Every structure is written in C-alpha cells, then in structure tokens.
Amino acid sequence: MAKKNFSLISDYDQVAGINISIRHFLEDENVEQHICNGVEICLTEALNNVIKHSYKGEQSCKIDVNVAVDSKLMEIQIVDEGESRKNLEIKELDFDPNDIDSLPESGMGLYIIKQLMDELDYYKLNGKNCFVLRKYLL
C-alpha cells in the first residue's frame, strides 16, 4: 500500500494547493480520473469544515491529511486538534435541485462526501479528531 502524509495550515487559501498535491499522488498510483475528481470535491468540503467548525476560522492551526492507496482501497484520514464535531449525522436532504433557493443552509458538504465515498468514520485518538474517508477501487 502506497502512503503519503500531507500537512496544511487552517487557511482556506491552502485547501486548493493540498488538493493538487494529493491528486498528483493518487494519479501517480493510477487512481482513475473520476475518482480523483470526487476526492478533490470531498477534500475541499472536509477541509473547509475543519477550518470552519473545528478551528472556528482560526488560520494558524495544523491539519494533517494521510493518504493510503492500493489496487483495492483508497483511505484518506484528516486529523486536526480543534473542537470535536458534535453532530456528524448525515441527513437525507430534501430540496428541489432546480430551485437554488431551496438548497439547505448547512449539511450539503457532508451529504456530498457521503455520496462520493463508500465509508466514512469519525473518532477521537490521542486528543485529535480523525475523519476517515474510504473508497473501494474495484
């Protein structure tokens, strides 16, 4: 299994750069383009959530992103030391996709991640928040 660790500071401007680095790593490991596209969306949503909710917008906190991939599984672990997320329940959203005014105010990011990944996990380890995204590649 190929593994690589990435780090960024909790600044929205750093999210795009880390996405590019992770995408290059996944492409080098022959992960299909459509999966890389989905990963990019999921990482953007998840990292923005860490910055907004765990770190309350503070722009000097560390976020680690650990990526592991082989021919069958891709796993991404996002680790932060911010405030624990209390409610990661992912509700089914009820809205009209043709009516932009009916889009929910919150919850869309986790909903999108759930749709694009096969498994999600969230736990505390040694005082750190760990959000794990898994995608089966077969």
C-alpha atoms as a PDB file:
ATOM      1  CA  MET A   1       0.000   0.000   0.000  1.00  0.00           C
ATOM      2  CA  ALA A   2       1.412   3.394  -1.001  1.00  0.00           C
ATOM      3  CA  LYS A   3       1.169   6.022   1.735  1.00  0.00           C
ATOM      4  CA  LYS A   4       1.873   9.715   1.867  1.00  0.00           C
ATOM      5  CA  ASN A   5       1.297  12.333   4.551  1.00  0.00           C
ATOM      6  CA  PHE A   6       0.393  15.939   3.803  1.00  0.00           C
ATOM      7  CA  SER A   7       0.002  18.936   6.125  1.00  0.00           C
ATOM      8  CA  LEU A   8      -1.538  22.353   5.826  1.00  0.00           C
ATOM      9  CA  ILE A   9      -2.416  25.306   7.999  1.00  0.00           C
ATOM     10  CA  SER A  10      -6.103  26.017   8.588  1.00  0.00           C
ATOM     11  CA  ASP A  11      -6.330  28.652   5.885  1.00  0.00           C
ATOM     12  CA  TYR A  12      -8.946  28.338   3.142  1.00  0.00           C
ATOM     13  CA  ASP A  13      -6.323  29.501   0.625  1.00  0.00           C
ATOM     14  CA  GLN A  14      -4.227  26.374   1.311  1.00  0.00           C
ATOM     15  CA  VAL A  15      -7.016  23.901   0.508  1.00  0.00           C
ATOM     16  CA  ALA A  16      -6.606  24.105  -3.278  1.00  0.00           C
ATOM     17  CA  GLY A  17      -2.850  23.529  -3.067  1.00  0.00           C
ATOM     18  CA  ILE A  18      -3.138  20.450  -0.874  1.00  0.00           C
ATOM     19  CA  ASN A  19      -5.800  19.109  -3.233  1.00  0.00           C
ATOM     20  CA  ILE A  20      -3.396  19.414  -6.162  1.00  0.00           C
ATOM     21  CA  SER A  21      -0.637  17.601  -4.260  1.00  0.00           C
ATOM     22  CA  ILE A  22      -2.943  14.768  -3.224  1.00  0.00           C
ATOM     23  CA  ARG A  23      -4.360  14.474  -6.729  1.00  0.00           C
ATOM     24  CA  HIS A  24      -0.828  14.111  -8.157  1.00  0.00           C
ATOM     25  CA  PHE A  25      -0.050  11.393  -5.612  1.00  0.00           C
ATOM     26  CA  LEU A  26      -3.249   9.496  -6.483  1.00  0.00           C
ATOM     27  CA  GLU A  27      -2.630   9.862 -10.225  1.00  0.00           C
ATOM     28  CA  ASP A  28       0.901   8.514  -9.732  1.00  0.00           C
ATOM     29  CA  GLU A  29      -0.725   5.490  -8.052  1.00  0.00           C
ATOM     30  CA  ASN A  30      -3.010   5.012 -11.097  1.00  0.00           C
ATOM     31  CA  VAL A  31      -6.254   6.039  -9.411  1.00  0.00           C
ATOM     32  CA  GLU A  32      -8.867   6.742 -12.092  1.00  0.00           C
ATOM     33  CA  GLN A  33      -9.628  10.357 -13.019  1.00  0.00           C
ATOM     34  CA  HIS A  34     -13.288  10.251 -11.973  1.00  0.00           C
ATOM     35  CA  ILE A  35     -12.268   9.045  -8.508  1.00  0.00           C
ATOM     36  CA  CYS A  36      -9.608  11.773  -8.262  1.00  0.00           C
ATOM     37  CA  ASN A  37     -12.292  14.321  -9.166  1.00  0.00           C
ATOM     38  CA  GLY A  38     -14.538  13.029  -6.384  1.00  0.00           C
ATOM     39  CA  VAL A  39     -11.669  13.043  -3.896  1.00  0.00           C
ATOM     40  CA  GLU A  40     -10.954  16.667  -4.730  1.00  0.00           C
ATOM     41  CA  ILE A  41     -14.567  17.627  -4.012  1.00  0.00           C
ATOM     42  CA  CYS A  42     -14.620  15.624  -0.774  1.00  0.00           C
ATOM     43  CA  LEU A  43     -11.329  17.037   0.472  1.00  0.00           C
ATOM     44  CA  THR A  44     -12.431  20.581  -0.242  1.00  0.00           C
ATOM     45  CA  GLU A  45     -15.651  20.052   1.718  1.00  0.00           C
ATOM     46  CA  ALA A  46     -13.985  18.191   4.600  1.00  0.00           C
ATOM     47  CA  LEU A  47     -11.056  20.592   4.989  1.00  0.00           C
ATOM     48  CA  ASN A  48     -13.324  23.632   4.808  1.00  0.00           C
ATOM     49  CA  ASN A  49     -15.457  22.026   7.539  1.00  0.00           C
ATOM     50  CA  VAL A  50     -12.392  21.538   9.754  1.00  0.00           C
ATOM     51  CA  ILE A  51     -11.402  25.176   9.300  1.00  0.00           C
ATOM     52  CA  LYS A  52     -14.926  26.470   9.898  1.00  0.00           C
ATOM     53  CA  HIS A  53     -16.172  24.138  12.633  1.00  0.00           C
ATOM     54  CA  SER A  54     -13.174  22.608  14.424  1.00  0.00           C
ATOM     55  CA  TYR A  55     -10.912  25.648  14.307  1.00  0.00           C
ATOM     56  CA  LYS A  56     -13.675  28.298  14.181  1.00  0.00           C
ATOM     57  CA  GLY A  57     -11.936  30.073  11.293  1.00  0.00           C
ATOM     58  CA  GLU A  58      -8.582  30.366  13.106  1.00  0.00           C
ATOM     59  CA  GLN A  59      -5.960  30.445  10.343  1.00  0.00           C
ATOM     60  CA  SER A  60      -2.841  29.160  12.097  1.00  0.00           C
ATOM     61  CA  CYS A  61      -3.771  25.615  13.130  1.00  0.00           C
ATOM     62  CA  LYS A  62      -2.364  22.382  11.716  1.00  0.00           C
ATOM     63  CA  ILE A  63      -4.337  19.857   9.678  1.00  0.00           C
ATOM     64  CA  ASP A  64      -2.787  16.549   8.632  1.00  0.00           C
ATOM     65  CA  VAL A  65      -4.064  14.548   5.674  1.00  0.00           C
ATOM     66  CA  ASN A  66      -2.788  10.972   5.482  1.00  0.00           C
ATOM     67  CA  VAL A  67      -3.463   9.124   2.243  1.00  0.00           C
ATOM     68  CA  ALA A  68      -3.078   5.389   1.643  1.00  0.00           C
ATOM     69  CA  VAL A  69      -3.933   3.612  -1.601  1.00  0.00           C
ATOM     70  CA  ASP A  70      -3.530   0.229  -3.228  1.00  0.00           C
ATOM     71  CA  SER A  71      -5.335  -1.509  -6.082  1.00  0.00           C
ATOM     72  CA  LYS A  72      -8.447  -2.146  -3.967  1.00  0.00           C
ATOM     73  CA  LEU A  73      -8.804   0.700  -1.469  1.00  0.00           C
ATOM     74  CA  MET A  74      -8.091   4.373  -1.025  1.00  0.00           C
ATOM     75  CA  GLU A  75      -8.215   5.751   2.510  1.00  0.00           C
ATOM     76  CA  ILE A  76      -7.847   9.390   3.492  1.00  0.00           C
ATOM     77  CA  GLN A  77      -7.510  10.362   7.140  1.00  0.00           C
ATOM     78  CA  ILE A  78      -7.972  14.024   8.059  1.00  0.00           C
ATOM     79  CA  VAL A  79      -6.567  14.830  11.505  1.00  0.00           C
ATOM     80  CA  ASP A  80      -6.993  18.055  13.461  1.00  0.00           C
ATOM     81  CA  GLU A  81      -6.662  19.220  17.059  1.00  0.00           C
ATOM     82  CA  GLY A  82      -9.638  21.564  17.049  1.00  0.00           C
ATOM     83  CA  GLU A  83     -13.005  21.340  18.690  1.00  0.00           C
ATOM     84  CA  SER A  84     -14.644  17.939  18.314  1.00  0.00           C
ATOM     85  CA  ARG A  85     -17.553  17.748  15.946  1.00  0.00           C
ATOM     86  CA  LYS A  86     -20.693  17.031  17.907  1.00  0.00           C
ATOM     87  CA  ASN A  87     -23.063  16.247  15.079  1.00  0.00           C
ATOM     88  CA  LEU A  88     -21.745  14.391  12.083  1.00  0.00           C
ATOM     89  CA  GLU A  89     -25.078  12.773  11.373  1.00  0.00           C
ATOM     90  CA  ILE A  90     -25.676  12.965   7.661  1.00  0.00           C
ATOM     91  CA  LYS A  91     -29.309  13.627   6.958  1.00  0.00           C
ATOM     92  CA  GLU A  92     -31.027  12.922   3.695  1.00  0.00           C
ATOM     93  CA  LEU A  93     -31.606  16.302   2.144  1.00  0.00           C
ATOM     94  CA  ASP A  94     -34.949  17.360   0.775  1.00  0.00           C
ATOM     95  CA  PHE A  95     -34.663  20.075  -1.841  1.00  0.00           C
ATOM     96  CA  ASP A  96     -35.509  20.833  -5.442  1.00  0.00           C
ATOM     97  CA  PRO A  97     -32.248  20.801  -7.450  1.00  0.00           C
ATOM     98  CA  ASN A  98     -33.866  23.135  -9.982  1.00  0.00           C
ATOM     99  CA  ASP A  99     -34.621  25.747  -7.309  1.00  0.00           C
ATOM    100  CA  ILE A 100     -31.446  27.287  -5.911  1.00  0.00           C
ATOM    101  CA  ASP A 101     -33.439  28.964  -3.135  1.00  0.00           C
ATOM    102  CA  SER A 102     -34.433  25.554  -1.766  1.00  0.00           C
ATOM    103  CA  LEU A 103     -30.819  24.461  -1.111  1.00  0.00           C
ATOM    104  CA  PRO A 104     -30.170  23.819   2.588  1.00  0.00           C
ATOM    105  CA  GLU A 105     -28.087  26.318   4.561  1.00  0.00           C
ATOM    106  CA  SER A 106     -25.863  23.590   6.007  1.00  0.00           C
ATOM    107  CA  GLY A 107     -25.194  19.884   5.726  1.00  0.00           C
ATOM    108  CA  MET A 108     -24.521  19.835   1.989  1.00  0.00           C
ATOM    109  CA  GLY A 109     -20.793  19.167   2.370  1.00  0.00           C
ATOM    110  CA  LEU A 110     -21.202  16.005   4.431  1.00  0.00           C
ATOM    111  CA  TYR A 111     -24.036  14.882   2.190  1.00  0.00           C
ATOM    112  CA  ILE A 112     -21.812  15.248  -0.885  1.00  0.00           C
ATOM    113  CA  ILE A 113     -18.956  13.386   0.822  1.00  0.00           C
ATOM    114  CA  LYS A 114     -21.320  10.554   1.747  1.00  0.00           C
ATOM    115  CA  GLN A 115     -22.491  10.278  -1.864  1.00  0.00           C
ATOM    116  CA  LEU A 116     -18.955  10.131  -3.291  1.00  0.00           C
ATOM    117  CA  MET A 117     -17.222   7.884  -0.728  1.00  0.00           C
ATOM    118  CA  ASP A 118     -18.034   4.301   0.264  1.00  0.00           C
ATOM    119  CA  GLU A 119     -17.367   4.595   4.006  1.00  0.00           C
ATOM    120  CA  LEU A 120     -16.913   7.428   6.483  1.00  0.00           C
ATOM    121  CA  ASP A 121     -15.636   7.196  10.034  1.00  0.00           C
ATOM    122  CA  TYR A 122     -15.042   9.784  12.748  1.00  0.00           C
ATOM    123  CA  TYR A 123     -13.295   9.220  16.056  1.00  0.00           C
ATOM    124  CA  LYS A 124     -11.013  10.825  18.641  1.00  0.00           C
ATOM    125  CA  LEU A 125      -7.472   9.481  19.023  1.00  0.00           C
ATOM    126  CA  ASN A 126      -4.947  10.903  21.498  1.00  0.00           C
ATOM    127  CA  GLY A 127      -6.977  14.109  21.760  1.00  0.00           C
ATOM    128  CA  LYS A 128      -7.172  14.574  17.990  1.00  0.00           C
ATOM    129  CA  ASN A 129     -10.166  14.438  15.656  1.00  0.00           C
ATOM    130  CA  CYS A 130      -9.858  11.834  12.898  1.00  0.00           C
ATOM    131  CA  PHE A 131     -12.221  11.878   9.920  1.00  0.00           C
ATOM    132  CA  VAL A 132     -11.660   8.923   7.598  1.00  0.00           C
ATOM    133  CA  LEU A 133     -12.915   8.642   4.009  1.00  0.00           C
ATOM    134  CA  ARG A 134     -12.728   5.295   2.213  1.00  0.00           C
ATOM    135  CA  LYS A 135     -13.303   4.479  -1.434  1.00  0.00           C
ATOM    136  CA  TYR A 136     -13.157   0.952  -2.822  1.00  0.00           C
ATOM    137  CA  LEU A 137     -11.397   0.916  -6.178  1.00  0.00           C
ATOM    138  CA  LEU A 138     -12.658  -2.383  -7.601  1.00  0.00           C
END
